[in-house]
Amino acid sequence: MLVDILALLAVFAPPIVQGGVSETFRIVVERQKVEGGLVIGSISVDGRAIGSAYENADLKIPAGTYAGALRYWSGHNFVAGPFGTIGKEGDFLLEVTGVTGRRDILFHGGNKPQHSTGCIMLGPVGKDPATSIPSLDADHPLRKLRLLFYGTDTPSSTPNKRIEIEIRDLI
């Protein structure tokens, strides 16, 4: 009986990390201007600028600090994977959680108001010239975001990181 209880605890207990606290992965989106219904801003991770961010001005979430969650599936080609791959499945799709009355607020490709129903877009997604499969070049903010999260382009596991997303209005 005791062995069964210990086995269950091992399966359902949170992982133990150094110091008992997981590392924080801190994303800041700064809204800088609005042009033609598009909010244009910047995105940084742990104080390091990684590129531009875009939102539909009519559907943006309120400024504030939110938790983030990692997803591995989307009904659209929003999920990033190794070497700039992008598809419906992969290992990296960030969702902003805790937005009152909203859900499925994602970080994904795009740069026009009609590309979003409230999500944060990080620029257009290209296609691999040889395969025509959607892909991200090495300088794309979404690809950089994934690489900064995992620390490698080919992770073997998901790191124990608390994701914090701050949205700032500078306009």
N, C-alpha and C. Protein backbone atom coordinates (compact mmCIF):
# COMPACT_ATOMS: atom_id res chain seq x y z
N MET A 1 0.82 -1.20 0.00
CA MET A 1 0.00 0.00 0.00
C MET A 1 0.87 1.26 0.00
N LEU A 2 1.86 1.31 0.89
CA LEU A 2 2.75 2.46 0.96
C LEU A 2 3.52 2.63 -0.34
N VAL A 3 3.94 1.52 -0.94
CA VAL A 3 4.66 1.59 -2.20
C VAL A 3 3.77 2.18 -3.29
N ASP A 4 2.48 1.80 -3.32
CA ASP A 4 1.54 2.35 -4.30
C ASP A 4 1.36 3.84 -4.12
N ILE A 5 1.26 4.29 -2.90
CA ILE A 5 1.09 5.71 -2.62
C ILE A 5 2.33 6.48 -3.05
N LEU A 6 3.51 5.96 -2.75
CA LEU A 6 4.75 6.62 -3.16
C LEU A 6 4.87 6.67 -4.68
N ALA A 7 4.45 5.62 -5.35
CA ALA A 7 4.49 5.60 -6.81
C ALA A 7 3.57 6.68 -7.39
N LEU A 8 2.38 6.83 -6.81
CA LEU A 8 1.45 7.86 -7.27
C LEU A 8 2.02 9.26 -7.03
N LEU A 9 2.64 9.46 -5.88
CA LEU A 9 3.24 10.76 -5.59
C LEU A 9 4.35 11.07 -6.59
N ALA A 10 5.12 10.08 -6.96
CA ALA A 10 6.21 10.30 -7.92
C ALA A 10 5.67 10.72 -9.28
N VAL A 11 4.49 10.22 -9.66
CA VAL A 11 3.91 10.55 -10.95
C VAL A 11 3.27 11.93 -10.94
N PHE A 12 2.55 12.27 -9.86
CA PHE A 12 1.76 13.50 -9.84
C PHE A 12 2.41 14.68 -9.11
N ALA A 13 3.50 14.47 -8.43
CA ALA A 13 4.16 15.56 -7.72
C ALA A 13 4.86 16.48 -8.71
N PRO A 14 4.90 17.79 -8.43
CA PRO A 14 5.61 18.70 -9.33
C PRO A 14 7.11 18.39 -9.30
N PRO A 15 7.82 18.67 -10.38
CA PRO A 15 9.25 18.38 -10.40
C PRO A 15 9.99 19.24 -9.40
N ILE A 16 11.05 18.70 -8.86
CA ILE A 16 11.88 19.44 -7.93
C ILE A 16 12.98 20.11 -8.73
N VAL A 17 13.13 21.40 -8.53
CA VAL A 17 14.17 22.15 -9.23
C VAL A 17 15.08 22.79 -8.20
N GLN A 18 16.26 23.17 -8.64
CA GLN A 18 17.22 23.78 -7.75
C GLN A 18 16.60 24.97 -7.03
N GLY A 19 16.70 24.98 -5.72
CA GLY A 19 16.14 26.06 -4.92
C GLY A 19 14.63 25.95 -4.76
N GLY A 20 13.99 24.93 -5.35
CA GLY A 20 12.57 24.72 -5.21
C GLY A 20 11.71 25.64 -6.05
N VAL A 21 12.31 26.50 -6.86
CA VAL A 21 11.56 27.45 -7.67
C VAL A 21 11.98 27.30 -9.12
N SER A 22 11.00 27.29 -10.02
CA SER A 22 11.35 27.20 -11.44
C SER A 22 11.85 28.56 -11.94
N GLU A 23 12.61 28.53 -13.00
CA GLU A 23 13.13 29.73 -13.64
C GLU A 23 11.98 30.47 -14.32
N THR A 24 12.03 31.80 -14.33
CA THR A 24 11.00 32.59 -15.00
C THR A 24 11.49 33.00 -16.39
N PHE A 25 10.64 32.75 -17.37
CA PHE A 25 10.88 33.16 -18.76
C PHE A 25 9.98 34.37 -18.95
N ARG A 26 10.58 35.57 -19.01
CA ARG A 26 9.81 36.81 -18.98
C ARG A 26 9.76 37.47 -20.35
N ILE A 27 8.55 37.61 -20.87
CA ILE A 27 8.31 38.21 -22.18
C ILE A 27 7.64 39.57 -21.96
N VAL A 28 8.13 40.60 -22.65
CA VAL A 28 7.51 41.92 -22.58
C VAL A 28 7.15 42.36 -24.00
N VAL A 29 5.89 42.71 -24.20
CA VAL A 29 5.42 43.28 -25.46
C VAL A 29 5.09 44.74 -25.18
N GLU A 30 5.76 45.63 -25.91
CA GLU A 30 5.52 47.07 -25.75
C GLU A 30 4.80 47.60 -26.98
N ARG A 31 3.58 48.06 -26.78
CA ARG A 31 2.78 48.65 -27.87
C ARG A 31 3.27 50.08 -28.09
N GLN A 32 3.67 50.39 -29.34
CA GLN A 32 4.28 51.69 -29.60
C GLN A 32 3.45 52.61 -30.47
N LYS A 33 2.70 52.08 -31.43
CA LYS A 33 1.87 52.93 -32.27
C LYS A 33 0.77 52.12 -32.92
N VAL A 34 -0.22 52.84 -33.47
CA VAL A 34 -1.32 52.20 -34.19
C VAL A 34 -1.36 52.79 -35.60
N GLU A 35 -1.41 51.90 -36.60
CA GLU A 35 -1.50 52.32 -38.00
C GLU A 35 -2.50 51.42 -38.72
N GLY A 36 -3.55 52.00 -39.25
CA GLY A 36 -4.51 51.24 -40.04
C GLY A 36 -5.12 50.06 -39.31
N GLY A 37 -5.44 50.22 -38.06
CA GLY A 37 -6.04 49.13 -37.28
C GLY A 37 -5.06 48.11 -36.75
N LEU A 38 -3.76 48.35 -36.94
CA LEU A 38 -2.71 47.44 -36.49
C LEU A 38 -1.88 48.10 -35.40
N VAL A 39 -1.78 47.45 -34.26
CA VAL A 39 -0.89 47.91 -33.19
C VAL A 39 0.49 47.37 -33.52
N ILE A 40 1.47 48.25 -33.54
CA ILE A 40 2.85 47.86 -33.84
C ILE A 40 3.69 48.11 -32.59
N GLY A 41 4.48 47.13 -32.23
CA GLY A 41 5.30 47.26 -31.04
C GLY A 41 6.53 46.39 -31.13
N SER A 42 7.09 46.10 -29.97
CA SER A 42 8.29 45.28 -29.92
C SER A 42 8.11 44.19 -28.87
N ILE A 43 8.94 43.15 -29.01
CA ILE A 43 8.91 42.05 -28.06
C ILE A 43 10.33 41.81 -27.56
N SER A 44 10.44 41.56 -26.25
CA SER A 44 11.74 41.23 -25.67
C SER A 44 11.56 40.05 -24.72
N VAL A 45 12.65 39.35 -24.51
CA VAL A 45 12.67 38.21 -23.59
C VAL A 45 13.80 38.43 -22.59
N ASP A 46 13.45 38.43 -21.32
CA ASP A 46 14.43 38.64 -20.25
C ASP A 46 15.31 39.86 -20.53
N GLY A 47 14.68 40.94 -21.05
CA GLY A 47 15.37 42.19 -21.30
C GLY A 47 16.09 42.28 -22.64
N ARG A 48 16.01 41.24 -23.44
CA ARG A 48 16.71 41.20 -24.74
C ARG A 48 15.70 41.36 -25.88
N ALA A 49 15.83 42.44 -26.67
CA ALA A 49 14.92 42.69 -27.79
C ALA A 49 15.09 41.59 -28.84
N ILE A 50 13.93 41.05 -29.33
CA ILE A 50 14.03 40.01 -30.36
C ILE A 50 13.27 40.35 -31.63
N GLY A 51 12.52 41.47 -31.64
CA GLY A 51 11.84 41.84 -32.88
C GLY A 51 10.56 42.61 -32.66
N SER A 52 9.75 42.61 -33.71
CA SER A 52 8.49 43.36 -33.71
C SER A 52 7.32 42.47 -33.32
N ALA A 53 6.28 43.12 -32.79
CA ALA A 53 5.04 42.44 -32.43
C ALA A 53 3.88 43.24 -32.99
N TYR A 54 2.80 42.54 -33.35
CA TYR A 54 1.64 43.18 -33.97
C TYR A 54 0.37 42.64 -33.33
N GLU A 55 -0.65 43.51 -33.29
CA GLU A 55 -1.95 43.10 -32.77
C GLU A 55 -3.06 43.80 -33.55
N ASN A 56 -4.21 43.17 -33.59
CA ASN A 56 -5.40 43.79 -34.14
C ASN A 56 -5.86 44.82 -33.10
N ALA A 57 -5.87 46.11 -33.47
CA ALA A 57 -6.19 47.18 -32.52
C ALA A 57 -7.57 47.02 -31.90
N ASP A 58 -8.52 46.46 -32.64
CA ASP A 58 -9.88 46.31 -32.12
C ASP A 58 -10.05 45.12 -31.20
N LEU A 59 -9.11 44.18 -31.22
CA LEU A 59 -9.27 42.94 -30.46
C LEU A 59 -8.15 42.68 -29.46
N LYS A 60 -7.28 43.64 -29.24
CA LYS A 60 -6.14 43.44 -28.34
C LYS A 60 -6.61 43.23 -26.90
N ILE A 61 -5.79 42.51 -26.15
CA ILE A 61 -6.11 42.29 -24.74
C ILE A 61 -5.66 43.50 -23.92
N PRO A 62 -6.19 43.68 -22.72
CA PRO A 62 -5.76 44.81 -21.90
C PRO A 62 -4.28 44.69 -21.52
N ALA A 63 -3.63 45.83 -21.38
CA ALA A 63 -2.26 45.84 -20.88
C ALA A 63 -2.27 45.23 -19.48
N GLY A 64 -1.19 44.57 -19.14
CA GLY A 64 -1.09 43.93 -17.83
C GLY A 64 -0.09 42.79 -17.86
N THR A 65 -0.01 42.08 -16.76
CA THR A 65 0.90 40.94 -16.65
C THR A 65 0.07 39.67 -16.55
N TYR A 66 0.43 38.70 -17.36
CA TYR A 66 -0.32 37.44 -17.47
C TYR A 66 0.64 36.26 -17.38
N ALA A 67 0.08 35.12 -17.05
CA ALA A 67 0.84 33.87 -17.10
C ALA A 67 0.80 33.36 -18.53
N GLY A 68 1.78 32.57 -18.87
CA GLY A 68 1.81 31.95 -20.18
C GLY A 68 1.79 30.45 -20.03
N ALA A 69 1.30 29.78 -21.06
CA ALA A 69 1.28 28.32 -21.08
C ALA A 69 1.81 27.85 -22.42
N LEU A 70 2.44 26.70 -22.41
CA LEU A 70 2.99 26.12 -23.63
C LEU A 70 2.00 25.12 -24.20
N ARG A 71 1.74 25.25 -25.50
CA ARG A 71 0.86 24.31 -26.21
C ARG A 71 1.65 23.61 -27.30
N TYR A 72 1.13 22.48 -27.75
CA TYR A 72 1.81 21.68 -28.75
C TYR A 72 0.95 21.43 -29.98
N TRP A 73 -0.25 21.98 -30.02
CA TRP A 73 -1.17 21.75 -31.12
C TRP A 73 -2.01 23.00 -31.37
N SER A 74 -2.35 23.23 -32.63
CA SER A 74 -3.24 24.32 -33.02
C SER A 74 -4.00 23.87 -34.27
N GLY A 75 -5.18 24.40 -34.46
CA GLY A 75 -5.94 24.11 -35.67
C GLY A 75 -5.39 24.83 -36.89
N HIS A 76 -4.41 25.71 -36.68
CA HIS A 76 -3.77 26.46 -37.76
C HIS A 76 -2.28 26.17 -37.75
N ASN A 77 -1.57 26.65 -38.73
CA ASN A 77 -0.11 26.49 -38.76
C ASN A 77 0.54 27.53 -37.85
N PHE A 78 0.37 27.35 -36.54
CA PHE A 78 0.89 28.30 -35.56
C PHE A 78 2.00 27.71 -34.68
N VAL A 79 2.20 26.40 -34.70
CA VAL A 79 3.11 25.75 -33.75
C VAL A 79 4.51 25.65 -34.36
N ALA A 80 5.50 26.17 -33.64
CA ALA A 80 6.89 26.15 -34.10
C ALA A 80 7.56 24.85 -33.67
N GLY A 81 8.56 24.48 -34.46
CA GLY A 81 9.35 23.29 -34.19
C GLY A 81 10.80 23.55 -34.54
N PRO A 82 11.62 22.50 -34.55
CA PRO A 82 13.05 22.65 -34.81
C PRO A 82 13.34 23.27 -36.18
N PHE A 83 14.41 24.06 -36.23
CA PHE A 83 14.95 24.63 -37.46
C PHE A 83 13.95 25.48 -38.24
N GLY A 84 13.03 26.14 -37.52
CA GLY A 84 12.10 27.05 -38.15
C GLY A 84 10.87 26.40 -38.75
N THR A 85 10.67 25.11 -38.47
CA THR A 85 9.46 24.47 -38.99
C THR A 85 8.24 25.07 -38.30
N ILE A 86 7.13 25.05 -38.98
CA ILE A 86 5.88 25.57 -38.43
C ILE A 86 4.75 24.72 -38.96
N GLY A 87 3.79 24.38 -38.10
CA GLY A 87 2.69 23.54 -38.52
C GLY A 87 1.59 23.49 -37.47
N LYS A 88 0.72 22.52 -37.59
CA LYS A 88 -0.37 22.36 -36.63
C LYS A 88 0.09 21.66 -35.36
N GLU A 89 1.22 20.95 -35.45
CA GLU A 89 1.82 20.29 -34.29
C GLU A 89 3.28 20.66 -34.22
N GLY A 90 3.81 20.67 -33.02
CA GLY A 90 5.21 20.98 -32.80
C GLY A 90 5.48 21.02 -31.32
N ASP A 91 6.51 21.75 -30.92
CA ASP A 91 6.85 21.78 -29.50
C ASP A 91 6.81 23.18 -28.89
N PHE A 92 6.28 24.17 -29.66
CA PHE A 92 6.30 25.52 -29.11
C PHE A 92 5.18 26.39 -29.66
N LEU A 93 4.19 26.63 -28.83
CA LEU A 93 3.13 27.59 -29.11
C LEU A 93 2.75 28.20 -27.78
N LEU A 94 3.03 29.49 -27.61
CA LEU A 94 2.74 30.16 -26.34
C LEU A 94 1.33 30.72 -26.33
N GLU A 95 0.65 30.50 -25.21
CA GLU A 95 -0.69 31.05 -25.00
C GLU A 95 -0.65 31.99 -23.80
N VAL A 96 -1.29 33.14 -23.94
CA VAL A 96 -1.46 34.08 -22.84
C VAL A 96 -2.68 33.60 -22.06
N THR A 97 -2.52 33.32 -20.77
CA THR A 97 -3.63 32.82 -19.96
C THR A 97 -4.04 33.87 -18.92
N GLY A 98 -5.23 33.69 -18.38
CA GLY A 98 -5.70 34.57 -17.33
C GLY A 98 -6.29 35.88 -17.82
N VAL A 99 -6.61 35.97 -19.11
CA VAL A 99 -7.23 37.17 -19.65
C VAL A 99 -8.74 37.03 -19.43
N THR A 100 -9.32 37.91 -18.65
CA THR A 100 -10.73 37.83 -18.30
C THR A 100 -11.62 37.78 -19.54
N GLY A 101 -12.45 36.76 -19.61
CA GLY A 101 -13.40 36.61 -20.70
C GLY A 101 -12.80 36.19 -22.02
N ARG A 102 -11.52 35.82 -22.04
CA ARG A 102 -10.85 35.47 -23.29
C ARG A 102 -10.08 34.16 -23.12
N ARG A 103 -9.85 33.50 -24.25
CA ARG A 103 -9.00 32.30 -24.25
C ARG A 103 -8.37 32.17 -25.62
N ASP A 104 -7.43 31.26 -25.74
CA ASP A 104 -6.73 31.02 -26.99
C ASP A 104 -6.05 32.27 -27.55
N ILE A 105 -5.45 33.06 -26.67
CA ILE A 105 -4.66 34.22 -27.08
C ILE A 105 -3.23 33.70 -27.27
N LEU A 106 -2.82 33.62 -28.53
CA LEU A 106 -1.56 32.95 -28.87
C LEU A 106 -0.53 33.91 -29.44
N PHE A 107 0.73 33.52 -29.38
CA PHE A 107 1.81 34.17 -30.11
C PHE A 107 1.98 33.38 -31.40
N HIS A 108 1.72 34.01 -32.54
CA HIS A 108 1.84 33.30 -33.81
C HIS A 108 2.26 34.25 -34.92
N GLY A 109 2.46 33.72 -36.10
CA GLY A 109 2.87 34.51 -37.24
C GLY A 109 1.75 35.41 -37.73
N GLY A 110 2.13 36.48 -38.45
CA GLY A 110 1.17 37.41 -39.02
C GLY A 110 1.60 38.84 -38.78
N ASN A 111 1.05 39.76 -39.58
CA ASN A 111 1.37 41.17 -39.38
C ASN A 111 0.28 42.09 -39.93
N LYS A 112 -0.94 41.57 -40.04
CA LYS A 112 -2.07 42.37 -40.51
C LYS A 112 -3.24 42.15 -39.55
N PRO A 113 -4.10 43.17 -39.36
CA PRO A 113 -5.21 43.02 -38.42
C PRO A 113 -6.05 41.76 -38.69
N GLN A 114 -6.28 41.44 -39.95
CA GLN A 114 -7.12 40.28 -40.27
C GLN A 114 -6.44 38.94 -39.98
N HIS A 115 -5.16 38.94 -39.62
CA HIS A 115 -4.45 37.72 -39.26
C HIS A 115 -4.70 37.33 -37.80
N SER A 116 -5.45 38.16 -37.06
CA SER A 116 -5.59 37.92 -35.62
C SER A 116 -6.99 38.21 -35.12
N THR A 117 -7.43 37.39 -34.19
CA THR A 117 -8.68 37.64 -33.46
C THR A 117 -8.35 37.93 -31.99
N GLY A 118 -7.25 38.65 -31.79
CA GLY A 118 -6.85 39.04 -30.44
C GLY A 118 -5.49 38.52 -30.04
N CYS A 119 -4.86 37.75 -30.88
CA CYS A 119 -3.55 37.18 -30.59
C CYS A 119 -2.43 38.20 -30.80
N ILE A 120 -1.22 37.81 -30.42
CA ILE A 120 -0.04 38.63 -30.63
C ILE A 120 0.74 38.00 -31.78
N MET A 121 0.91 38.77 -32.83
CA MET A 121 1.58 38.26 -34.03
C MET A 121 3.03 38.74 -34.04
N LEU A 122 3.90 37.89 -34.57
CA LEU A 122 5.33 38.21 -34.55
C LEU A 122 5.95 38.31 -35.93
N GLY A 123 5.13 38.60 -36.93
CA GLY A 123 5.66 38.80 -38.28
C GLY A 123 5.21 37.71 -39.22
N PRO A 124 5.30 37.99 -40.52
CA PRO A 124 4.83 37.02 -41.52
C PRO A 124 5.65 35.74 -41.52
N VAL A 125 4.98 34.65 -41.88
CA VAL A 125 5.61 33.35 -41.98
C VAL A 125 5.89 33.08 -43.45
N GLY A 126 7.11 32.67 -43.75
CA GLY A 126 7.48 32.36 -45.12
C GLY A 126 7.23 30.89 -45.44
N LYS A 127 7.70 30.48 -46.61
CA LYS A 127 7.60 29.08 -47.02
C LYS A 127 8.98 28.61 -47.46
N ASP A 128 9.30 27.39 -47.12
CA ASP A 128 10.54 26.79 -47.57
C ASP A 128 10.48 26.69 -49.10
N PRO A 129 11.46 27.27 -49.82
CA PRO A 129 11.39 27.27 -51.28
C PRO A 129 11.41 25.87 -51.90
N ALA A 130 12.03 24.92 -51.24
CA ALA A 130 12.13 23.57 -51.81
C ALA A 130 10.86 22.76 -51.58
N THR A 131 10.17 23.00 -50.46
CA THR A 131 9.02 22.15 -50.10
C THR A 131 7.69 22.89 -50.07
N SER A 132 7.71 24.22 -50.05
CA SER A 132 6.52 25.06 -49.88
C SER A 132 5.86 24.88 -48.53
N ILE A 133 6.57 24.30 -47.58
CA ILE A 133 6.06 24.13 -46.21
C ILE A 133 6.31 25.42 -45.45
N PRO A 134 5.33 25.91 -44.66
CA PRO A 134 5.54 27.13 -43.87
C PRO A 134 6.79 27.00 -43.00
N SER A 135 7.57 28.09 -42.95
CA SER A 135 8.80 28.06 -42.16
C SER A 135 9.17 29.46 -41.68
N LEU A 136 10.02 29.51 -40.68
CA LEU A 136 10.50 30.75 -40.09
C LEU A 136 11.98 30.90 -40.36
N ASP A 137 12.40 32.09 -40.85
CA ASP A 137 13.84 32.27 -41.06
C ASP A 137 14.52 32.49 -39.70
N ALA A 138 15.83 32.45 -39.70
CA ALA A 138 16.61 32.50 -38.45
C ALA A 138 16.39 33.78 -37.66
N ASP A 139 15.97 34.86 -38.31
CA ASP A 139 15.79 36.15 -37.63
C ASP A 139 14.34 36.39 -37.20
N HIS A 140 13.45 35.45 -37.46
CA HIS A 140 12.03 35.63 -37.11
C HIS A 140 11.87 35.62 -35.58
N PRO A 141 11.13 36.57 -35.01
CA PRO A 141 10.96 36.63 -33.55
C PRO A 141 10.37 35.35 -32.94
N LEU A 142 9.48 34.68 -33.65
CA LEU A 142 8.89 33.45 -33.12
C LEU A 142 9.95 32.35 -33.01
N ARG A 143 10.83 32.27 -34.01
CA ARG A 143 11.92 31.28 -33.96
C ARG A 143 12.89 31.63 -32.83
N LYS A 144 13.20 32.92 -32.67
CA LYS A 144 14.09 33.36 -31.59
C LYS A 144 13.47 33.05 -30.22
N LEU A 145 12.17 33.30 -30.10
CA LEU A 145 11.46 33.05 -28.85
C LEU A 145 11.57 31.58 -28.45
N ARG A 146 11.34 30.69 -29.40
CA ARG A 146 11.46 29.25 -29.15
C ARG A 146 12.88 28.87 -28.73
N LEU A 147 13.86 29.40 -29.44
CA LEU A 147 15.26 29.08 -29.15
C LEU A 147 15.66 29.58 -27.76
N LEU A 148 15.20 30.78 -27.39
CA LEU A 148 15.50 31.30 -26.06
C LEU A 148 14.82 30.47 -24.97
N PHE A 149 13.63 29.97 -25.25
CA PHE A 149 12.92 29.15 -24.26
C PHE A 149 13.64 27.83 -24.03
N TYR A 150 13.97 27.14 -25.10
CA TYR A 150 14.59 25.82 -24.98
C TYR A 150 16.10 25.86 -24.80
N GLY A 151 16.77 26.90 -25.33
CA GLY A 151 18.22 26.95 -25.25
C GLY A 151 18.91 26.15 -26.33
N THR A 152 18.14 25.48 -27.18
CA THR A 152 18.67 24.68 -28.28
C THR A 152 17.59 24.54 -29.34
N ASP A 153 17.98 24.25 -30.55
CA ASP A 153 17.01 24.05 -31.62
C ASP A 153 16.42 22.64 -31.60
N THR A 154 17.09 21.74 -30.87
CA THR A 154 16.63 20.34 -30.80
C THR A 154 16.51 19.89 -29.35
N PRO A 155 15.51 20.38 -28.62
CA PRO A 155 15.38 20.00 -27.21
C PRO A 155 14.95 18.54 -27.07
N SER A 156 15.37 17.93 -25.97
CA SER A 156 14.94 16.57 -25.68
C SER A 156 13.87 16.54 -24.61
N SER A 157 13.62 17.69 -23.97
CA SER A 157 12.56 17.79 -22.97
C SER A 157 12.15 19.26 -22.83
N THR A 158 11.05 19.48 -22.14
CA THR A 158 10.56 20.84 -21.91
C THR A 158 11.12 21.33 -20.59
N PRO A 159 11.78 22.49 -20.58
CA PRO A 159 12.34 23.01 -19.33
C PRO A 159 11.24 23.45 -18.36
N ASN A 160 11.56 23.38 -17.08
CA ASN A 160 10.62 23.79 -16.04
C ASN A 160 10.75 25.31 -15.86
N LYS A 161 10.02 26.04 -16.69
CA LYS A 161 10.07 27.50 -16.63
C LYS A 161 8.66 28.04 -16.43
N ARG A 162 8.56 29.03 -15.55
CA ARG A 162 7.32 29.77 -15.38
C ARG A 162 7.32 30.86 -16.43
N ILE A 163 6.28 30.93 -17.23
CA ILE A 163 6.20 31.92 -18.31
C ILE A 163 5.38 33.11 -17.83
N GLU A 164 5.99 34.29 -17.91
CA GLU A 164 5.33 35.54 -17.51
C GLU A 164 5.32 36.47 -18.73
N ILE A 165 4.15 37.00 -19.03
CA ILE A 165 3.98 37.87 -20.21
C ILE A 165 3.44 39.21 -19.75
N GLU A 166 4.19 40.27 -20.02
CA GLU A 166 3.74 41.62 -19.68
C GLU A 166 3.44 42.38 -20.97
N ILE A 167 2.26 42.98 -21.03
CA ILE A 167 1.87 43.80 -22.15
C ILE A 167 1.87 45.25 -21.66
N ARG A 168 2.65 46.11 -22.31
CA ARG A 168 2.75 47.52 -21.92
C ARG A 168 2.21 48.41 -23.03
N ASP A 169 1.43 49.40 -22.64
CA ASP A 169 0.94 50.41 -23.57
C ASP A 169 1.87 51.63 -23.50
N LEU A 170 2.58 51.92 -24.56
CA LEU A 170 3.40 53.11 -24.64
C LEU A 170 2.74 54.18 -25.51
N ILE A 171 1.56 53.86 -26.04
CA ILE A 171 0.84 54.78 -26.92
C ILE A 171 -0.24 55.50 -26.16
